[in-house]
Amino acid sequence: MQYSSLVILAVLVAGAEMCADTNANCPSWVANGFCTSNFYTSSQKTQYCPASCGLCSGVSSTVASSTSASGVCIDTSSSCATWDSNGFCSSLFYTTEQKRQFCAYTCNLCSSDTVTTQATITTTTA
């Protein structure tokens, strides 16, 4: 299975337009500061990772943090079920930390002392 073809994060925008990342590496890039770095241009961020960087017009997302200090274990991406069905959780391409950061609940990476809950990711159109 080619992991670069892993389903990318897509967010529906008003008018049935799609706003989606064009690079499967966006989750790891975002984790490493791609969206907030001044090294990359706005054009590059919009070209490769608009959904992950929150650059889709008319869309705002509320994303909860991953396993928190209170021990709550959640997914921070609304795409985890799809990613899991495409092999994300079992893939050796992604690190355990990447899996835990985005899909801790779906990938069963919650420690035994955490409270397991499934978070809802809210997306609204303007």
PDB file of N, CA and C in Angstrom:
ATOM      1  N   MET A   1       0.848  -1.185   0.000  1.00  0.00           N
ATOM      2  CA  MET A   1       0.000   0.000   0.000  1.00  0.00           C
ATOM      3  C   MET A   1       0.885   1.236   0.000  1.00  0.00           C
ATOM      4  N   GLN A   2       0.573   2.145  -0.840  1.00  0.00           N
ATOM      5  CA  GLN A   2       1.357   3.372  -0.915  1.00  0.00           C
ATOM      6  C   GLN A   2       0.783   4.376   0.077  1.00  0.00           C
ATOM      7  N   TYR A   3       1.567   4.719   1.097  1.00  0.00           N
ATOM      8  CA  TYR A   3       1.076   5.552   2.196  1.00  0.00           C
ATOM      9  C   TYR A   3       0.908   7.004   1.804  1.00  0.00           C
ATOM     10  N   SER A   4       1.581   7.418   0.729  1.00  0.00           N
ATOM     11  CA  SER A   4       1.402   8.803   0.312  1.00  0.00           C
ATOM     12  C   SER A   4       0.006   9.029  -0.252  1.00  0.00           C
ATOM     13  N   SER A   5      -0.697   7.942  -0.539  1.00  0.00           N
ATOM     14  CA  SER A   5      -2.057   8.079  -1.045  1.00  0.00           C
ATOM     15  C   SER A   5      -3.087   8.032   0.072  1.00  0.00           C
ATOM     16  N   LEU A   6      -2.610   8.057   1.321  1.00  0.00           N
ATOM     17  CA  LEU A   6      -3.514   8.065   2.476  1.00  0.00           C
ATOM     18  C   LEU A   6      -4.482   9.232   2.340  1.00  0.00           C
ATOM     19  N   VAL A   7      -5.714   8.976   2.668  1.00  0.00           N
ATOM     20  CA  VAL A   7      -6.753   9.994   2.517  1.00  0.00           C
ATOM     21  C   VAL A   7      -6.352  11.268   3.243  1.00  0.00           C
ATOM     22  N   ILE A   8      -6.500  12.369   2.557  1.00  0.00           N
ATOM     23  CA  ILE A   8      -6.125  13.660   3.133  1.00  0.00           C
ATOM     24  C   ILE A   8      -7.328  14.327   3.765  1.00  0.00           C
ATOM     25  N   LEU A   9      -7.034  15.209   4.679  1.00  0.00           N
ATOM     26  CA  LEU A   9      -8.078  15.931   5.393  1.00  0.00           C
ATOM     27  C   LEU A   9      -8.822  16.846   4.431  1.00  0.00           C
ATOM     28  N   ALA A  10     -10.142  16.706   4.394  1.00  0.00           N
ATOM     29  CA  ALA A  10     -10.957  17.547   3.515  1.00  0.00           C
ATOM     30  C   ALA A  10     -12.089  18.156   4.325  1.00  0.00           C
ATOM     31  N   VAL A  11     -12.360  19.397   4.062  1.00  0.00           N
ATOM     32  CA  VAL A  11     -13.427  20.090   4.763  1.00  0.00           C
ATOM     33  C   VAL A  11     -14.387  20.655   3.723  1.00  0.00           C
ATOM     34  N   LEU A  12     -15.679  20.377   3.883  1.00  0.00           N
ATOM     35  CA  LEU A  12     -16.674  20.929   2.966  1.00  0.00           C
ATOM     36  C   LEU A  12     -16.884  22.400   3.264  1.00  0.00           C
ATOM     37  N   VAL A  13     -16.968  23.181   2.219  1.00  0.00           N
ATOM     38  CA  VAL A  13     -17.202  24.604   2.347  1.00  0.00           C
ATOM     39  C   VAL A  13     -18.557  24.902   1.699  1.00  0.00           C
ATOM     40  N   ALA A  14     -19.156  26.027   2.039  1.00  0.00           N
ATOM     41  CA  ALA A  14     -20.444  26.402   1.459  1.00  0.00           C
ATOM     42  C   ALA A  14     -20.397  26.316  -0.055  1.00  0.00           C
ATOM     43  N   GLY A  15     -21.489  25.904  -0.650  1.00  0.00           N
ATOM     44  CA  GLY A  15     -21.546  25.796  -2.101  1.00  0.00           C
ATOM     45  C   GLY A  15     -20.934  24.517  -2.606  1.00  0.00           C
ATOM     46  N   ALA A  16     -20.734  23.532  -1.746  1.00  0.00           N
ATOM     47  CA  ALA A  16     -20.185  22.222  -2.107  1.00  0.00           C
ATOM     48  C   ALA A  16     -18.771  22.300  -2.668  1.00  0.00           C
ATOM     49  N   GLU A  17     -18.070  23.390  -2.424  1.00  0.00           N
ATOM     50  CA  GLU A  17     -16.678  23.477  -2.825  1.00  0.00           C
ATOM     51  C   GLU A  17     -15.851  22.678  -1.839  1.00  0.00           C
ATOM     52  N   MET A  18     -14.719  22.147  -2.284  1.00  0.00           N
ATOM     53  CA  MET A  18     -13.863  21.371  -1.400  1.00  0.00           C
ATOM     54  C   MET A  18     -12.616  22.172  -1.060  1.00  0.00           C
ATOM     55  N   CYS A  19     -12.234  22.076   0.159  1.00  0.00           N
ATOM     56  CA  CYS A  19     -10.971  22.633   0.607  1.00  0.00           C
ATOM     57  C   CYS A  19     -10.219  21.470   1.207  1.00  0.00           C
ATOM     58  N   ALA A  20      -9.145  21.061   0.582  1.00  0.00           N
ATOM     59  CA  ALA A  20      -8.438  19.873   1.042  1.00  0.00           C
ATOM     60  C   ALA A  20      -6.934  20.065   0.940  1.00  0.00           C
ATOM     61  N   ASP A  21      -6.223  19.387   1.806  1.00  0.00           N
ATOM     62  CA  ASP A  21      -4.771  19.354   1.729  1.00  0.00           C
ATOM     63  C   ASP A  21      -4.389  18.569   0.483  1.00  0.00           C
ATOM     64  N   THR A  22      -3.327  18.987  -0.178  1.00  0.00           N
ATOM     65  CA  THR A  22      -2.870  18.274  -1.370  1.00  0.00           C
ATOM     66  C   THR A  22      -1.657  17.409  -1.086  1.00  0.00           C
ATOM     67  N   ASN A  23      -1.158  17.452   0.131  1.00  0.00           N
ATOM     68  CA  ASN A  23       0.006  16.656   0.493  1.00  0.00           C
ATOM     69  C   ASN A  23      -0.328  15.790   1.701  1.00  0.00           C
ATOM     70  N   ALA A  24      -0.070  14.495   1.594  1.00  0.00           N
ATOM     71  CA  ALA A  24      -0.372  13.552   2.677  1.00  0.00           C
ATOM     72  C   ALA A  24       0.497  13.781   3.912  1.00  0.00           C
ATOM     73  N   ASN A  25       1.555  14.567   3.794  1.00  0.00           N
ATOM     74  CA  ASN A  25       2.448  14.827   4.924  1.00  0.00           C
ATOM     75  C   ASN A  25       1.987  15.990   5.799  1.00  0.00           C
ATOM     76  N   CYS A  26       0.869  16.615   5.477  1.00  0.00           N
ATOM     77  CA  CYS A  26       0.406  17.780   6.243  1.00  0.00           C
ATOM     78  C   CYS A  26       0.310  17.531   7.744  1.00  0.00           C
ATOM     79  N   PRO A  27      -0.212  16.383   8.202  1.00  0.00           N
ATOM     80  CA  PRO A  27      -0.268  16.196   9.659  1.00  0.00           C
ATOM     81  C   PRO A  27       1.097  16.323  10.342  1.00  0.00           C
ATOM     82  N   SER A  28       2.129  15.743   9.750  1.00  0.00           N
ATOM     83  CA  SER A  28       3.449  15.853  10.376  1.00  0.00           C
ATOM     84  C   SER A  28       4.037  17.248  10.169  1.00  0.00           C
ATOM     85  N   TRP A  29       3.767  17.867   9.025  1.00  0.00           N
ATOM     86  CA  TRP A  29       4.249  19.227   8.792  1.00  0.00           C
ATOM     87  C   TRP A  29       3.630  20.194   9.799  1.00  0.00           C
ATOM     88  N   VAL A  30       2.322  20.060  10.021  1.00  0.00           N
ATOM     89  CA  VAL A  30       1.629  20.926  10.980  1.00  0.00           C
ATOM     90  C   VAL A  30       2.222  20.736  12.370  1.00  0.00           C
ATOM     91  N   ALA A  31       2.478  19.483  12.735  1.00  0.00           N
ATOM     92  CA  ALA A  31       3.055  19.188  14.048  1.00  0.00           C
ATOM     93  C   ALA A  31       4.435  19.822  14.209  1.00  0.00           C
ATOM     94  N   ASN A  32       5.133  20.022  13.093  1.00  0.00           N
ATOM     95  CA  ASN A  32       6.466  20.610  13.131  1.00  0.00           C
ATOM     96  C   ASN A  32       6.467  22.117  12.852  1.00  0.00           C
ATOM     97  N   GLY A  33       5.284  22.743  12.828  1.00  0.00           N
ATOM     98  CA  GLY A  33       5.218  24.194  12.716  1.00  0.00           C
ATOM     99  C   GLY A  33       5.046  24.774  11.329  1.00  0.00           C
ATOM    100  N   PHE A  34       4.723  23.960  10.346  1.00  0.00           N
ATOM    101  CA  PHE A  34       4.571  24.443   8.969  1.00  0.00           C
ATOM    102  C   PHE A  34       3.617  25.633   8.869  1.00  0.00           C
ATOM    103  N   CYS A  35       2.474  25.530   9.509  1.00  0.00           N
ATOM    104  CA  CYS A  35       1.443  26.571   9.383  1.00  0.00           C
ATOM    105  C   CYS A  35       1.809  27.877  10.069  1.00  0.00           C
ATOM    106  N   THR A  36       2.608  27.815  11.104  1.00  0.00           N
ATOM    107  CA  THR A  36       2.940  29.017  11.869  1.00  0.00           C
ATOM    108  C   THR A  36       4.313  29.588  11.537  1.00  0.00           C
ATOM    109  N   SER A  37       5.089  28.868  10.770  1.00  0.00           N
ATOM    110  CA  SER A  37       6.441  29.299  10.430  1.00  0.00           C
ATOM    111  C   SER A  37       6.431  30.433   9.407  1.00  0.00           C
ATOM    112  N   ASN A  38       7.291  31.409   9.608  1.00  0.00           N
ATOM    113  CA  ASN A  38       7.461  32.489   8.641  1.00  0.00           C
ATOM    114  C   ASN A  38       8.373  32.069   7.494  1.00  0.00           C
ATOM    115  N   PHE A  39       8.997  30.906   7.603  1.00  0.00           N
ATOM    116  CA  PHE A  39       9.884  30.405   6.558  1.00  0.00           C
ATOM    117  C   PHE A  39       9.089  30.063   5.296  1.00  0.00           C
ATOM    118  N   TYR A  40       7.865  29.556   5.483  1.00  0.00           N
ATOM    119  CA  TYR A  40       7.023  29.174   4.351  1.00  0.00           C
ATOM    120  C   TYR A  40       6.072  30.313   4.012  1.00  0.00           C
ATOM    121  N   THR A  41       5.835  30.515   2.717  1.00  0.00           N
ATOM    122  CA  THR A  41       4.947  31.587   2.282  1.00  0.00           C
ATOM    123  C   THR A  41       3.485  31.182   2.457  1.00  0.00           C
ATOM    124  N   SER A  42       2.619  32.167   2.490  1.00  0.00           N
ATOM    125  CA  SER A  42       1.177  31.894   2.550  1.00  0.00           C
ATOM    126  C   SER A  42       0.745  31.091   1.335  1.00  0.00           C
ATOM    127  N   SER A  43       1.373  31.368   0.210  1.00  0.00           N
ATOM    128  CA  SER A  43       1.059  30.640  -1.018  1.00  0.00           C
ATOM    129  C   SER A  43       1.381  29.152  -0.874  1.00  0.00           C
ATOM    130  N   GLN A  44       2.522  28.826  -0.266  1.00  0.00           N
ATOM    131  CA  GLN A  44       2.899  27.426  -0.054  1.00  0.00           C
ATOM    132  C   GLN A  44       1.933  26.741   0.911  1.00  0.00           C
ATOM    133  N   LYS A  45       1.567  27.441   1.972  1.00  0.00           N
ATOM    134  CA  LYS A  45       0.641  26.877   2.959  1.00  0.00           C
ATOM    135  C   LYS A  45      -0.719  26.611   2.320  1.00  0.00           C
ATOM    136  N   THR A  46      -1.180  27.560   1.493  1.00  0.00           N
ATOM    137  CA  THR A  46      -2.462  27.410   0.809  1.00  0.00           C
ATOM    138  C   THR A  46      -2.400  26.312  -0.250  1.00  0.00           C
ATOM    139  N   GLN A  47      -1.268  26.184  -0.924  1.00  0.00           N
ATOM    140  CA  GLN A  47      -1.119  25.169  -1.971  1.00  0.00           C
ATOM    141  C   GLN A  47      -1.099  23.753  -1.406  1.00  0.00           C
ATOM    142  N   TYR A  48      -0.391  23.533  -0.309  1.00  0.00           N
ATOM    143  CA  TYR A  48      -0.182  22.179   0.188  1.00  0.00           C
ATOM    144  C   TYR A  48      -1.108  21.763   1.336  1.00  0.00           C
ATOM    145  N   CYS A  49      -1.366  22.648   2.285  1.00  0.00           N
ATOM    146  CA  CYS A  49      -2.105  22.252   3.499  1.00  0.00           C
ATOM    147  C   CYS A  49      -3.164  23.272   3.919  1.00  0.00           C
ATOM    148  N   PRO A  50      -4.041  23.704   3.017  1.00  0.00           N
ATOM    149  CA  PRO A  50      -5.008  24.736   3.397  1.00  0.00           C
ATOM    150  C   PRO A  50      -5.969  24.291   4.492  1.00  0.00           C
ATOM    151  N   ALA A  51      -6.422  23.049   4.449  1.00  0.00           N
ATOM    152  CA  ALA A  51      -7.371  22.568   5.468  1.00  0.00           C
ATOM    153  C   ALA A  51      -6.692  22.456   6.828  1.00  0.00           C
ATOM    154  N   SER A  52      -5.517  21.843   6.861  1.00  0.00           N
ATOM    155  CA  SER A  52      -4.797  21.663   8.122  1.00  0.00           C
ATOM    156  C   SER A  52      -4.361  22.984   8.732  1.00  0.00           C
ATOM    157  N   CYS A  53      -4.051  23.964   7.888  1.00  0.00           N
ATOM    158  CA  CYS A  53      -3.601  25.267   8.379  1.00  0.00           C
ATOM    159  C   CYS A  53      -4.760  26.230   8.631  1.00  0.00           C
ATOM    160  N   GLY A  54      -5.997  25.797   8.378  1.00  0.00           N
ATOM    161  CA  GLY A  54      -7.156  26.644   8.617  1.00  0.00           C
ATOM    162  C   GLY A  54      -7.268  27.801   7.645  1.00  0.00           C
ATOM    163  N   LEU A  55      -6.877  27.573   6.391  1.00  0.00           N
ATOM    164  CA  LEU A  55      -6.872  28.640   5.400  1.00  0.00           C
ATOM    165  C   LEU A  55      -8.030  28.563   4.412  1.00  0.00           C
ATOM    166  N   CYS A  56      -9.008  27.736   4.680  1.00  0.00           N
ATOM    167  CA  CYS A  56     -10.159  27.604   3.790  1.00  0.00           C
ATOM    168  C   CYS A  56     -11.133  28.733   4.079  1.00  0.00           C
ATOM    169  N   SER A  57     -11.537  29.455   3.054  1.00  0.00           N
ATOM    170  CA  SER A  57     -12.450  30.578   3.271  1.00  0.00           C
ATOM    171  C   SER A  57     -13.817  30.074   3.698  1.00  0.00           C
ATOM    172  N   GLY A  58     -14.418  30.777   4.643  1.00  0.00           N
ATOM    173  CA  GLY A  58     -15.746  30.435   5.111  1.00  0.00           C
ATOM    174  C   GLY A  58     -15.810  29.268   6.077  1.00  0.00           C
ATOM    175  N   VAL A  59     -14.671  28.814   6.582  1.00  0.00           N
ATOM    176  CA  VAL A  59     -14.664  27.656   7.470  1.00  0.00           C
ATOM    177  C   VAL A  59     -13.878  27.976   8.725  1.00  0.00           C
ATOM    178  N   SER A  60     -14.416  27.611   9.852  1.00  0.00           N
ATOM    179  CA  SER A  60     -13.661  27.696  11.094  1.00  0.00           C
ATOM    180  C   SER A  60     -13.820  26.377  11.815  1.00  0.00           C
ATOM    181  N   SER A  61     -12.774  25.908  12.407  1.00  0.00           N
ATOM    182  CA  SER A  61     -12.827  24.622  13.089  1.00  0.00           C
ATOM    183  C   SER A  61     -12.410  24.775  14.532  1.00  0.00           C
ATOM    184  N   THR A  62     -13.056  24.032  15.391  1.00  0.00           N
ATOM    185  CA  THR A  62     -12.681  23.969  16.784  1.00  0.00           C
ATOM    186  C   THR A  62     -12.127  22.583  17.023  1.00  0.00           C
ATOM    187  N   VAL A  63     -10.866  22.501  17.389  1.00  0.00           N
ATOM    188  CA  VAL A  63     -10.230  21.210  17.586  1.00  0.00           C
ATOM    189  C   VAL A  63      -9.733  21.115  19.014  1.00  0.00           C
ATOM    190  N   ALA A  64     -10.109  20.057  19.686  1.00  0.00           N
ATOM    191  CA  ALA A  64      -9.657  19.835  21.059  1.00  0.00           C
ATOM    192  C   ALA A  64      -8.233  19.313  21.044  1.00  0.00           C
ATOM    193  N   SER A  65      -7.538  19.432  22.159  1.00  0.00           N
ATOM    194  CA  SER A  65      -6.186  18.909  22.233  1.00  0.00           C
ATOM    195  C   SER A  65      -6.228  17.404  22.414  1.00  0.00           C
ATOM    196  N   SER A  66      -5.115  16.748  22.177  1.00  0.00           N
ATOM    197  CA  SER A  66      -5.039  15.289  22.287  1.00  0.00           C
ATOM    198  C   SER A  66      -5.084  14.890  23.755  1.00  0.00           C
ATOM    199  N   THR A  67      -4.370  13.841  24.136  1.00  0.00           N
ATOM    200  CA  THR A  67      -4.397  13.398  25.521  1.00  0.00           C
ATOM    201  C   THR A  67      -3.899  14.542  26.399  1.00  0.00           C
ATOM    202  N   SER A  68      -4.729  15.006  27.274  1.00  0.00           N
ATOM    203  CA  SER A  68      -4.406  16.180  28.076  1.00  0.00           C
ATOM    204  C   SER A  68      -3.876  15.795  29.443  1.00  0.00           C
ATOM    205  N   ALA A  69      -3.501  16.802  30.196  1.00  0.00           N
ATOM    206  CA  ALA A  69      -2.982  16.571  31.536  1.00  0.00           C
ATOM    207  C   ALA A  69      -4.027  15.906  32.423  1.00  0.00           C
ATOM    208  N   SER A  70      -5.298  16.121  32.107  1.00  0.00           N
ATOM    209  CA  SER A  70      -6.359  15.504  32.900  1.00  0.00           C
ATOM    210  C   SER A  70      -6.547  14.034  32.550  1.00  0.00           C
ATOM    211  N   GLY A  71      -5.824  13.550  31.547  1.00  0.00           N
ATOM    212  CA  GLY A  71      -5.892  12.148  31.186  1.00  0.00           C
ATOM    213  C   GLY A  71      -7.016  11.794  30.236  1.00  0.00           C
ATOM    214  N   VAL A  72      -7.580  12.767  29.528  1.00  0.00           N
ATOM    215  CA  VAL A  72      -8.636  12.489  28.567  1.00  0.00           C
ATOM    216  C   VAL A  72      -7.997  12.122  27.238  1.00  0.00           C
ATOM    217  N   CYS A  73      -8.467  11.060  26.630  1.00  0.00           N
ATOM    218  CA  CYS A  73      -7.904  10.583  25.369  1.00  0.00           C
ATOM    219  C   CYS A  73      -8.923  10.793  24.258  1.00  0.00           C
ATOM    220  N   ILE A  74      -8.552  11.597  23.255  1.00  0.00           N
ATOM    221  CA  ILE A  74      -9.460  11.919  22.161  1.00  0.00           C
ATOM    222  C   ILE A  74      -8.730  11.943  20.833  1.00  0.00           C
ATOM    223  N   ASP A  75      -9.478  11.964  19.744  1.00  0.00           N
ATOM    224  CA  ASP A  75      -8.944  12.220  18.413  1.00  0.00           C
ATOM    225  C   ASP A  75      -9.000  13.725  18.191  1.00  0.00           C
ATOM    226  N   THR A  76      -7.955  14.303  17.608  1.00  0.00           N
ATOM    227  CA  THR A  76      -7.977  15.730  17.309  1.00  0.00           C
ATOM    228  C   THR A  76      -8.317  15.991  15.853  1.00  0.00           C
ATOM    229  N   SER A  77      -8.443  14.948  15.055  1.00  0.00           N
ATOM    230  CA  SER A  77      -8.840  15.086  13.658  1.00  0.00           C
ATOM    231  C   SER A  77     -10.180  14.400  13.444  1.00  0.00           C
ATOM    232  N   SER A  78     -11.033  15.040  12.682  1.00  0.00           N
ATOM    233  CA  SER A  78     -12.327  14.439  12.361  1.00  0.00           C
ATOM    234  C   SER A  78     -12.193  13.362  11.291  1.00  0.00           C
ATOM    235  N   SER A  79     -11.000  13.174  10.736  1.00  0.00           N
ATOM    236  CA  SER A  79     -10.781  12.206   9.662  1.00  0.00           C
ATOM    237  C   SER A  79     -10.209  10.879  10.136  1.00  0.00           C
ATOM    238  N   CYS A  80     -10.073  10.682  11.436  1.00  0.00           N
ATOM    239  CA  CYS A  80      -9.404   9.479  11.948  1.00  0.00           C
ATOM    240  C   CYS A  80     -10.038   8.174  11.489  1.00  0.00           C
ATOM    241  N   ALA A  81     -11.347   8.088  11.460  1.00  0.00           N
ATOM    242  CA  ALA A  81     -12.002   6.846  11.028  1.00  0.00           C
ATOM    243  C   ALA A  81     -11.626   6.516   9.586  1.00  0.00           C
ATOM    244  N   THR A  82     -11.617   7.531   8.737  1.00  0.00           N
ATOM    245  CA  THR A  82     -11.240   7.330   7.338  1.00  0.00           C
ATOM    246  C   THR A  82      -9.767   6.971   7.228  1.00  0.00           C
ATOM    247  N   TRP A  83      -8.920   7.706   7.946  1.00  0.00           N
ATOM    248  CA  TRP A  83      -7.489   7.417   7.910  1.00  0.00           C
ATOM    249  C   TRP A  83      -7.212   6.000   8.387  1.00  0.00           C
ATOM    250  N   ASP A  84      -7.902   5.573   9.468  1.00  0.00           N
ATOM    251  CA  ASP A  84      -7.711   4.229   9.997  1.00  0.00           C
ATOM    252  C   ASP A  84      -8.107   3.182   8.961  1.00  0.00           C
ATOM    253  N   SER A  85      -9.213   3.406   8.260  1.00  0.00           N
ATOM    254  CA  SER A  85      -9.645   2.440   7.245  1.00  0.00           C
ATOM    255  C   SER A  85      -8.666   2.367   6.081  1.00  0.00           C
ATOM    256  N   ASN A  86      -7.823   3.391   5.934  1.00  0.00           N
ATOM    257  CA  ASN A  86      -6.800   3.398   4.895  1.00  0.00           C
ATOM    258  C   ASN A  86      -5.420   3.012   5.427  1.00  0.00           C
ATOM    259  N   GLY A  87      -5.363   2.528   6.662  1.00  0.00           N
ATOM    260  CA  GLY A  87      -4.116   1.993   7.194  1.00  0.00           C
ATOM    261  C   GLY A  87      -3.284   2.903   8.063  1.00  0.00           C
ATOM    262  N   PHE A  88      -3.765   4.088   8.392  1.00  0.00           N
ATOM    263  CA  PHE A  88      -2.980   5.037   9.182  1.00  0.00           C
ATOM    264  C   PHE A  88      -2.511   4.442  10.509  1.00  0.00           C
ATOM    265  N   CYS A  89      -3.420   3.825  11.250  1.00  0.00           N
ATOM    266  CA  CYS A  89      -3.082   3.330  12.591  1.00  0.00           C
ATOM    267  C   CYS A  89      -2.087   2.175  12.567  1.00  0.00           C
ATOM    268  N   SER A  90      -2.111   1.369  11.528  1.00  0.00           N
ATOM    269  CA  SER A  90      -1.208   0.215  11.455  1.00  0.00           C
ATOM    270  C   SER A  90       0.049   0.499  10.632  1.00  0.00           C
ATOM    271  N   SER A  91       0.116   1.662  10.016  1.00  0.00           N
ATOM    272  CA  SER A  91       1.239   2.019   9.159  1.00  0.00           C
ATOM    273  C   SER A  91       2.532   2.222   9.948  1.00  0.00           C
ATOM    274  N   LEU A  92       3.613   1.737   9.408  1.00  0.00           N
ATOM    275  CA  LEU A  92       4.928   1.975  10.000  1.00  0.00           C
ATOM    276  C   LEU A  92       5.528   3.285   9.489  1.00  0.00           C
ATOM    277  N   PHE A  93       4.901   3.885   8.480  1.00  0.00           N
ATOM    278  CA  PHE A  93       5.369   5.143   7.916  1.00  0.00           C
ATOM    279  C   PHE A  93       5.221   6.281   8.925  1.00  0.00           C
ATOM    280  N   TYR A  94       4.112   6.261   9.688  1.00  0.00           N
ATOM    281  CA  TYR A  94       3.854   7.299  10.679  1.00  0.00           C
ATOM    282  C   TYR A  94       4.350   6.849  12.043  1.00  0.00           C
ATOM    283  N   THR A  95       4.882   7.783  12.812  1.00  0.00           N
ATOM    284  CA  THR A  95       5.375   7.451  14.147  1.00  0.00           C
ATOM    285  C   THR A  95       4.203   7.286  15.110  1.00  0.00           C
ATOM    286  N   THR A  96       4.456   6.610  16.209  1.00  0.00           N
ATOM    287  CA  THR A  96       3.430   6.452  17.235  1.00  0.00           C
ATOM    288  C   THR A  96       3.006   7.816  17.760  1.00  0.00           C
ATOM    289  N   GLU A  97       3.949   8.738  17.873  1.00  0.00           N
ATOM    290  CA  GLU A  97       3.622  10.077  18.360  1.00  0.00           C
ATOM    291  C   GLU A  97       2.684  10.802  17.394  1.00  0.00           C
ATOM    292  N   GLN A  98       2.899  10.659  16.076  1.00  0.00           N
ATOM    293  CA  GLN A  98       2.001  11.274  15.096  1.00  0.00           C
ATOM    294  C   GLN A  98       0.599  10.674  15.212  1.00  0.00           C
ATOM    295  N   LYS A  99       0.541   9.365  15.354  1.00  0.00           N
ATOM    296  CA  LYS A  99      -0.757   8.689  15.500  1.00  0.00           C
ATOM    297  C   LYS A  99      -1.448   9.152  16.780  1.00  0.00           C
ATOM    298  N   ARG A 100      -0.691   9.254  17.864  1.00  0.00           N
ATOM    299  CA  ARG A 100      -1.248   9.688  19.149  1.00  0.00           C
ATOM    300  C   ARG A 100      -1.713  11.143  19.072  1.00  0.00           C
ATOM    301  N   GLN A 101      -0.955  11.984  18.368  1.00  0.00           N
ATOM    302  CA  GLN A 101      -1.293  13.403  18.272  1.00  0.00           C
ATOM    303  C   GLN A 101      -2.631  13.625  17.568  1.00  0.00           C
ATOM    304  N   PHE A 102      -2.889  12.885  16.511  1.00  0.00           N
ATOM    305  CA  PHE A 102      -4.085  13.121  15.714  1.00  0.00           C
ATOM    306  C   PHE A 102      -5.223  12.133  15.973  1.00  0.00           C
ATOM    307  N   CYS A 103      -4.910  10.867  16.272  1.00  0.00           N
ATOM    308  CA  CYS A 103      -5.946   9.830  16.358  1.00  0.00           C
ATOM    309  C   CYS A 103      -5.724   8.880  17.527  1.00  0.00           C
ATOM    310  N   ALA A 104      -5.431   9.404  18.704  1.00  0.00           N
ATOM    311  CA  ALA A 104      -5.141   8.564  19.874  1.00  0.00           C
ATOM    312  C   ALA A 104      -6.286   7.606  20.184  1.00  0.00           C
ATOM    313  N   TYR A 105      -7.508   8.086  20.141  1.00  0.00           N
ATOM    314  CA  TYR A 105      -8.676   7.260  20.463  1.00  0.00           C
ATOM    315  C   TYR A 105      -8.876   6.162  19.405  1.00  0.00           C
ATOM    316  N   THR A 106      -8.912   6.548  18.137  1.00  0.00           N
ATOM    317  CA  THR A 106      -9.146   5.605  17.045  1.00  0.00           C
ATOM    318  C   THR A 106      -8.044   4.567  16.937  1.00  0.00           C
ATOM    319  N   CYS A 107      -6.792   4.974  17.151  1.00  0.00           N
ATOM    320  CA  CYS A 107      -5.656   4.058  17.020  1.00  0.00           C
ATOM    321  C   CYS A 107      -5.371   3.275  18.304  1.00  0.00           C
ATOM    322  N   ASN A 108      -6.251   3.399  19.302  1.00  0.00           N
ATOM    323  CA  ASN A 108      -6.092   2.685  20.579  1.00  0.00           C
ATOM    324  C   ASN A 108      -4.746   2.966  21.239  1.00  0.00           C
ATOM    325  N   LEU A 109      -4.369   4.242  21.284  1.00  0.00           N
ATOM    326  CA  LEU A 109      -3.097   4.638  21.877  1.00  0.00           C
ATOM    327  C   LEU A 109      -3.284   5.363  23.206  1.00  0.00           C
ATOM    328  N   CYS A 110      -4.406   5.139  23.835  1.00  0.00           N
ATOM    329  CA  CYS A 110      -4.677   5.745  25.133  1.00  0.00           C
ATOM    330  C   CYS A 110      -4.046   4.877  26.213  1.00  0.00           C
ATOM    331  N   SER A 111      -3.383   5.500  27.174  1.00  0.00           N
ATOM    332  CA  SER A 111      -2.802   4.719  28.261  1.00  0.00           C
ATOM    333  C   SER A 111      -3.915   4.259  29.188  1.00  0.00           C
ATOM    334  N   SER A 112      -3.646   3.267  29.990  1.00  0.00           N
ATOM    335  CA  SER A 112      -4.675   2.688  30.855  1.00  0.00           C
ATOM    336  C   SER A 112      -5.164   3.651  31.932  1.00  0.00           C
ATOM    337  N   ASP A 113      -4.403   4.714  32.221  1.00  0.00           N
ATOM    338  CA  ASP A 113      -4.834   5.653  33.252  1.00  0.00           C
ATOM    339  C   ASP A 113      -5.548   6.881  32.684  1.00  0.00           C
ATOM    340  N   THR A 114      -5.922   6.822  31.415  1.00  0.00           N
ATOM    341  CA  THR A 114      -6.650   7.942  30.829  1.00  0.00           C
ATOM    342  C   THR A 114      -8.130   7.619  30.733  1.00  0.00           C
ATOM    343  N   VAL A 115      -8.916   8.654  30.722  1.00  0.00           N
ATOM    344  CA  VAL A 115     -10.353   8.516  30.521  1.00  0.00           C
ATOM    345  C   VAL A 115     -10.584   8.622  29.025  1.00  0.00           C
ATOM    346  N   THR A 116     -11.192   7.615  28.440  1.00  0.00           N
ATOM    347  CA  THR A 116     -11.388   7.605  27.000  1.00  0.00           C
ATOM    348  C   THR A 116     -12.724   8.230  26.633  1.00  0.00           C
ATOM    349  N   THR A 117     -12.629   9.288  25.830  1.00  0.00           N
ATOM    350  CA  THR A 117     -13.833   9.942  25.327  1.00  0.00           C
ATOM    351  C   THR A 117     -13.626  10.234  23.859  1.00  0.00           C
ATOM    352  N   GLN A 118     -14.694  10.328  23.132  1.00  0.00           N
ATOM    353  CA  GLN A 118     -14.579  10.678  21.733  1.00  0.00           C
ATOM    354  C   GLN A 118     -15.020  12.114  21.571  1.00  0.00           C
ATOM    355  N   ALA A 119     -14.131  12.952  21.029  1.00  0.00           N
ATOM    356  CA  ALA A 119     -14.430  14.369  20.880  1.00  0.00           C
ATOM    357  C   ALA A 119     -15.138  14.624  19.560  1.00  0.00           C
ATOM    358  N   THR A 120     -15.918  15.663  19.537  1.00  0.00           N
ATOM    359  CA  THR A 120     -16.573  16.087  18.314  1.00  0.00           C
ATOM    360  C   THR A 120     -15.828  17.293  17.777  1.00  0.00           C
ATOM    361  N   ILE A 121     -15.465  17.242  16.512  1.00  0.00           N
ATOM    362  CA  ILE A 121     -14.795  18.357  15.863  1.00  0.00           C
ATOM    363  C   ILE A 121     -15.887  19.184  15.191  1.00  0.00           C
ATOM    364  N   THR A 122     -15.974  20.456  15.514  1.00  0.00           N
ATOM    365  CA  THR A 122     -17.030  21.314  15.001  1.00  0.00           C
ATOM    366  C   THR A 122     -16.526  22.131  13.830  1.00  0.00           C
ATOM    367  N   THR A 123     -17.244  22.082  12.716  1.00  0.00           N
ATOM    368  CA  THR A 123     -16.901  22.885  11.554  1.00  0.00           C
ATOM    369  C   THR A 123     -18.132  23.678  11.155  1.00  0.00           C
ATOM    370  N   THR A 124     -17.963  24.978  10.992  1.00  0.00           N
ATOM    371  CA  THR A 124     -19.090  25.827  10.620  1.00  0.00           C
ATOM    372  C   THR A 124     -18.748  26.629   9.388  1.00  0.00           C
ATOM    373  N   THR A 125     -19.749  26.953   8.591  1.00  0.00           N
ATOM    374  CA  THR A 125     -19.525  27.799   7.428  1.00  0.00           C
ATOM    375  C   THR A 125     -20.021  29.196   7.732  1.00  0.00           C
ATOM    376  N   ALA A 126     -19.337  30.164   7.136  1.00  0.00           N
ATOM    377  CA  ALA A 126     -19.695  31.566   7.398  1.00  0.00           C
ATOM    378  C   ALA A 126     -20.851  31.997   6.538  1.00  0.00           C
TER     379      ALA A 126
END
